[in-house]
Amino acid sequence: MKLHRLVERALADTAHLWPPIQQAYAWVHQAARILSNEAGLTGRALQRRLSGLLGAMARWGSRAAELAPALAHFRKVTRSYWPGLFQCYAVNGLPRTNNDLEHLFGSHRYHERRATGRKGASPSLVVRGSARLIAAAATRTTRYTAADLATCCPRAWKAMRATLAGRAQTRVHQRRFRQDPQAYLADLEVRLLKLALPA
């Protein structure tokens, strides 16, 4: 009984705070319903609806009282995403969010951390990431055999290897420079002078 009275008193004391919260959440949920597009409207029709809702939020934002700044932020962020927000409704098969892509990279990062024991991404991911991430993603969805790998184009494979080797060499130069900048620059100067001198 005491708990019941305590809850009633708390609700009565905070009653003036609930209407702005209800109004703000109603607008946000309405935006989510518009973007879920259950009616199957075109991107242009959804743009008009969401634009109308954002206009109503701006006109009647004072109804949200203390939450008015949060709604202003919601409107600002929505407008910043505006150019790409409706592409998924115009292009057939384009996903509405990039959560799957984030999940893919997050999953790869998790497995790499478990394998290496590192907290951050390994330096080799910077050098070989373009090949490793694609290989990791492809092998999750399809099982490849030696026969599949034999059909690969040798020219494309060699080009990829050359690109990766170039990145690895760049990392080597960066490490040498960090370890001893003076010696690295002196070596560069000697090599430059040899190139400039006549044979």
Protein backbone atom coordinates (compact mmCIF):
# COMPACT_ATOMS: atom_id res chain seq x y z
CA MET A 1 0.00 0.00 0.00
CA LYS A 2 2.84 2.38 0.86
CA LEU A 3 4.48 1.68 -2.51
CA HIS A 4 1.20 2.39 -4.31
CA ARG A 5 0.87 5.78 -2.57
CA LEU A 6 4.53 6.56 -3.27
CA VAL A 7 4.07 5.89 -7.00
CA GLU A 8 0.86 7.97 -7.09
CA ARG A 9 2.57 10.88 -5.38
CA ALA A 10 5.58 10.64 -7.75
CA LEU A 11 3.27 10.65 -10.78
CA ALA A 12 1.33 13.63 -9.41
CA ASP A 13 4.53 15.56 -8.68
CA THR A 14 5.93 14.94 -12.18
CA ALA A 15 2.63 15.27 -14.11
CA HIS A 16 3.70 18.62 -15.59
CA LEU A 17 6.81 16.99 -17.13
CA TRP A 18 4.97 14.30 -19.13
CA PRO A 19 3.13 16.29 -21.85
CA PRO A 20 6.35 17.66 -23.47
CA ILE A 21 7.88 14.15 -23.43
CA GLN A 22 4.74 12.66 -24.98
CA GLN A 23 4.70 15.33 -27.68
CA ALA A 24 8.41 14.98 -28.53
CA TYR A 25 8.23 11.20 -28.68
CA ALA A 26 5.08 11.32 -30.79
CA TRP A 27 6.95 13.42 -33.40
CA VAL A 28 10.03 11.16 -33.38
CA HIS A 29 7.87 8.03 -33.70
CA GLN A 30 5.95 9.66 -36.53
CA ALA A 31 9.25 10.31 -38.35
CA ALA A 32 10.18 6.64 -37.87
CA ARG A 33 6.78 5.56 -39.27
CA ILE A 34 7.23 7.82 -42.30
CA LEU A 35 10.69 6.40 -43.03
CA SER A 36 9.55 2.79 -42.54
CA ASN A 37 7.33 3.43 -45.61
CA GLU A 38 4.80 0.69 -44.96
CA ALA A 39 2.49 2.33 -47.53
CA GLY A 40 5.15 1.85 -50.24
CA LEU A 41 5.28 5.54 -51.24
CA THR A 42 7.88 7.00 -53.57
CA GLY A 43 10.96 8.77 -52.23
CA ARG A 44 9.55 12.12 -53.31
CA ALA A 45 6.27 11.55 -51.40
CA LEU A 46 8.21 10.52 -48.28
CA GLN A 47 10.36 13.63 -48.62
CA ARG A 48 7.24 15.81 -48.62
CA ARG A 49 5.79 14.02 -45.59
CA LEU A 50 8.98 14.21 -43.55
CA SER A 51 9.53 17.82 -44.58
CA GLY A 52 6.00 18.64 -43.36
CA LEU A 53 6.69 16.90 -40.04
CA LEU A 54 9.96 18.81 -39.57
CA GLY A 55 8.09 22.03 -40.33
CA ALA A 56 5.46 21.18 -37.69
CA MET A 57 8.24 20.45 -35.20
CA ALA A 58 9.77 23.86 -35.89
CA ARG A 59 6.40 25.69 -35.61
CA TRP A 60 5.14 23.90 -32.52
CA GLY A 61 8.49 23.10 -30.88
CA SER A 62 7.58 25.19 -27.85
CA ARG A 63 5.09 22.47 -26.89
CA ALA A 64 8.07 20.28 -26.09
CA ALA A 65 9.25 22.79 -23.43
CA GLU A 66 12.68 21.66 -22.15
CA LEU A 67 12.98 19.15 -25.00
CA ALA A 68 12.81 21.89 -27.67
CA PRO A 69 16.64 21.97 -28.04
CA ALA A 70 16.68 18.18 -28.53
CA LEU A 71 14.05 18.49 -31.26
CA ALA A 72 16.03 21.30 -32.90
CA HIS A 73 19.04 18.97 -32.92
CA PHE A 74 16.90 16.18 -34.42
CA ARG A 75 15.78 18.52 -37.19
CA LYS A 76 19.34 19.71 -37.85
CA VAL A 77 20.75 16.16 -38.08
CA THR A 78 17.86 15.03 -40.29
CA ARG A 79 18.51 17.96 -42.65
CA SER A 80 22.23 17.13 -42.76
CA TYR A 81 21.39 13.57 -43.91
CA TRP A 82 18.70 14.84 -46.29
CA PRO A 83 20.57 14.41 -49.63
CA GLY A 84 21.10 10.66 -49.09
CA LEU A 85 18.18 9.89 -46.81
CA PHE A 86 15.77 8.87 -49.57
CA GLN A 87 18.10 7.07 -51.99
CA CYS A 88 17.00 3.66 -50.71
CA TYR A 89 13.45 4.40 -51.89
CA ALA A 90 14.63 5.43 -55.36
CA VAL A 91 17.11 2.57 -55.97
CA ASN A 92 15.63 -0.91 -55.89
CA GLY A 93 17.44 -3.26 -53.48
CA LEU A 94 19.48 -0.55 -51.76
CA PRO A 95 19.38 -1.12 -47.97
CA ARG A 96 17.93 1.66 -45.82
CA THR A 97 20.85 1.73 -43.39
CA ASN A 98 24.49 0.73 -43.35
CA ASN A 99 24.11 -1.34 -40.17
CA ASP A 100 24.94 -4.55 -42.07
CA LEU A 101 28.18 -3.00 -43.30
CA GLU A 102 29.05 -1.82 -39.79
CA HIS A 103 28.29 -5.30 -38.49
CA LEU A 104 30.57 -6.84 -41.11
CA PHE A 105 33.53 -4.63 -40.18
CA GLY A 106 32.78 -4.95 -36.46
CA SER A 107 32.70 -8.73 -36.73
CA HIS A 108 36.04 -8.78 -38.57
CA ARG A 109 37.57 -6.47 -35.95
CA TYR A 110 36.27 -8.72 -33.15
CA HIS A 111 37.73 -11.90 -34.70
CA GLU A 112 41.04 -10.19 -35.39
CA ARG A 113 41.28 -8.96 -31.80
CA ARG A 114 40.62 -12.47 -30.52
CA ALA A 115 43.24 -13.96 -32.86
CA THR A 116 45.97 -11.38 -32.19
CA GLY A 117 45.21 -10.31 -28.62
CA ARG A 118 45.42 -6.65 -29.68
CA LYS A 119 42.93 -4.08 -28.47
CA GLY A 120 43.18 -2.01 -31.64
CA ALA A 121 43.32 -3.01 -35.28
CA SER A 122 46.58 -4.64 -36.35
CA PRO A 123 48.91 -2.56 -38.53
CA SER A 124 48.71 -5.24 -41.23
CA LEU A 125 45.04 -4.39 -41.67
CA VAL A 126 46.10 -0.98 -43.00
CA VAL A 127 48.43 -2.63 -45.51
CA ARG A 128 46.38 -5.67 -46.51
CA GLY A 129 42.87 -4.65 -45.44
CA SER A 130 41.56 -4.22 -48.99
CA ALA A 131 42.30 -7.90 -49.66
CA ARG A 132 41.71 -9.38 -46.20
CA LEU A 133 38.33 -7.76 -45.54
CA ILE A 134 36.95 -8.81 -48.92
CA ALA A 135 38.30 -12.34 -48.49
CA ALA A 136 36.83 -12.59 -44.99
CA ALA A 137 33.42 -11.33 -46.17
CA ALA A 138 33.37 -13.59 -49.24
CA THR A 139 34.30 -16.76 -47.35
CA ARG A 140 31.48 -16.21 -44.85
CA THR A 141 28.83 -16.36 -47.56
CA THR A 142 30.36 -18.87 -50.02
CA ARG A 143 32.56 -21.93 -49.71
CA TYR A 144 35.47 -21.76 -52.18
CA THR A 145 37.45 -24.71 -53.49
CA ALA A 146 40.91 -24.89 -55.04
CA ALA A 147 39.23 -25.12 -58.45
CA ASP A 148 37.48 -21.77 -57.79
CA LEU A 149 40.78 -20.14 -56.88
CA ALA A 150 42.44 -21.56 -60.02
CA THR A 151 40.06 -19.54 -62.20
CA CYS A 152 41.47 -16.27 -60.86
CA CYS A 153 43.07 -13.90 -63.39
CA PRO A 154 46.88 -13.99 -62.87
CA ARG A 155 47.28 -10.40 -64.14
CA ALA A 156 44.75 -9.06 -61.58
CA TRP A 157 46.38 -11.15 -58.84
CA LYS A 158 49.85 -9.76 -59.67
CA ALA A 159 48.48 -6.19 -59.76
CA MET A 160 46.91 -6.69 -56.31
CA ARG A 161 50.18 -8.14 -54.96
CA ALA A 162 52.14 -5.16 -56.34
CA THR A 163 49.71 -2.71 -54.71
CA LEU A 164 49.98 -4.51 -51.36
CA ALA A 165 53.79 -4.65 -51.63
CA GLY A 166 53.86 -0.89 -52.31
CA ARG A 167 51.78 -0.22 -49.19
CA ALA A 168 54.04 -2.50 -47.13
CA GLN A 169 57.12 -0.62 -48.38
CA THR A 170 55.50 2.70 -47.42
CA ARG A 171 54.94 1.36 -43.89
CA VAL A 172 58.61 0.27 -43.72
CA HIS A 173 59.75 3.78 -44.68
CA GLN A 174 57.42 5.32 -42.09
CA ARG A 175 58.77 3.04 -39.37
CA ARG A 176 62.39 3.81 -40.30
CA PHE A 177 61.67 7.54 -40.24
CA ARG A 178 59.99 7.31 -36.80
CA GLN A 179 62.90 5.30 -35.36
CA ASP A 180 65.63 7.72 -36.53
CA PRO A 181 64.46 10.75 -38.51
CA GLN A 182 67.95 12.28 -38.87
CA ALA A 183 69.54 9.14 -40.29
CA TYR A 184 66.58 8.55 -42.61
CA LEU A 185 66.73 12.09 -44.01
CA ALA A 186 70.52 11.93 -44.36
CA ASP A 187 70.19 8.69 -46.35
CA LEU A 188 67.57 10.31 -48.60
CA GLU A 189 69.88 13.29 -49.17
CA VAL A 190 72.80 11.01 -50.15
CA ARG A 191 70.58 9.12 -52.61
CA LEU A 192 69.27 12.36 -54.09
CA LEU A 193 72.81 13.70 -54.58
CA LYS A 194 73.84 10.47 -56.34
CA LEU A 195 70.90 10.86 -58.74
CA ALA A 196 71.74 14.53 -59.40
CA LEU A 197 75.47 13.98 -60.08
CA PRO A 198 76.48 13.11 -63.68
CA ALA A 199 77.61 9.52 -64.23
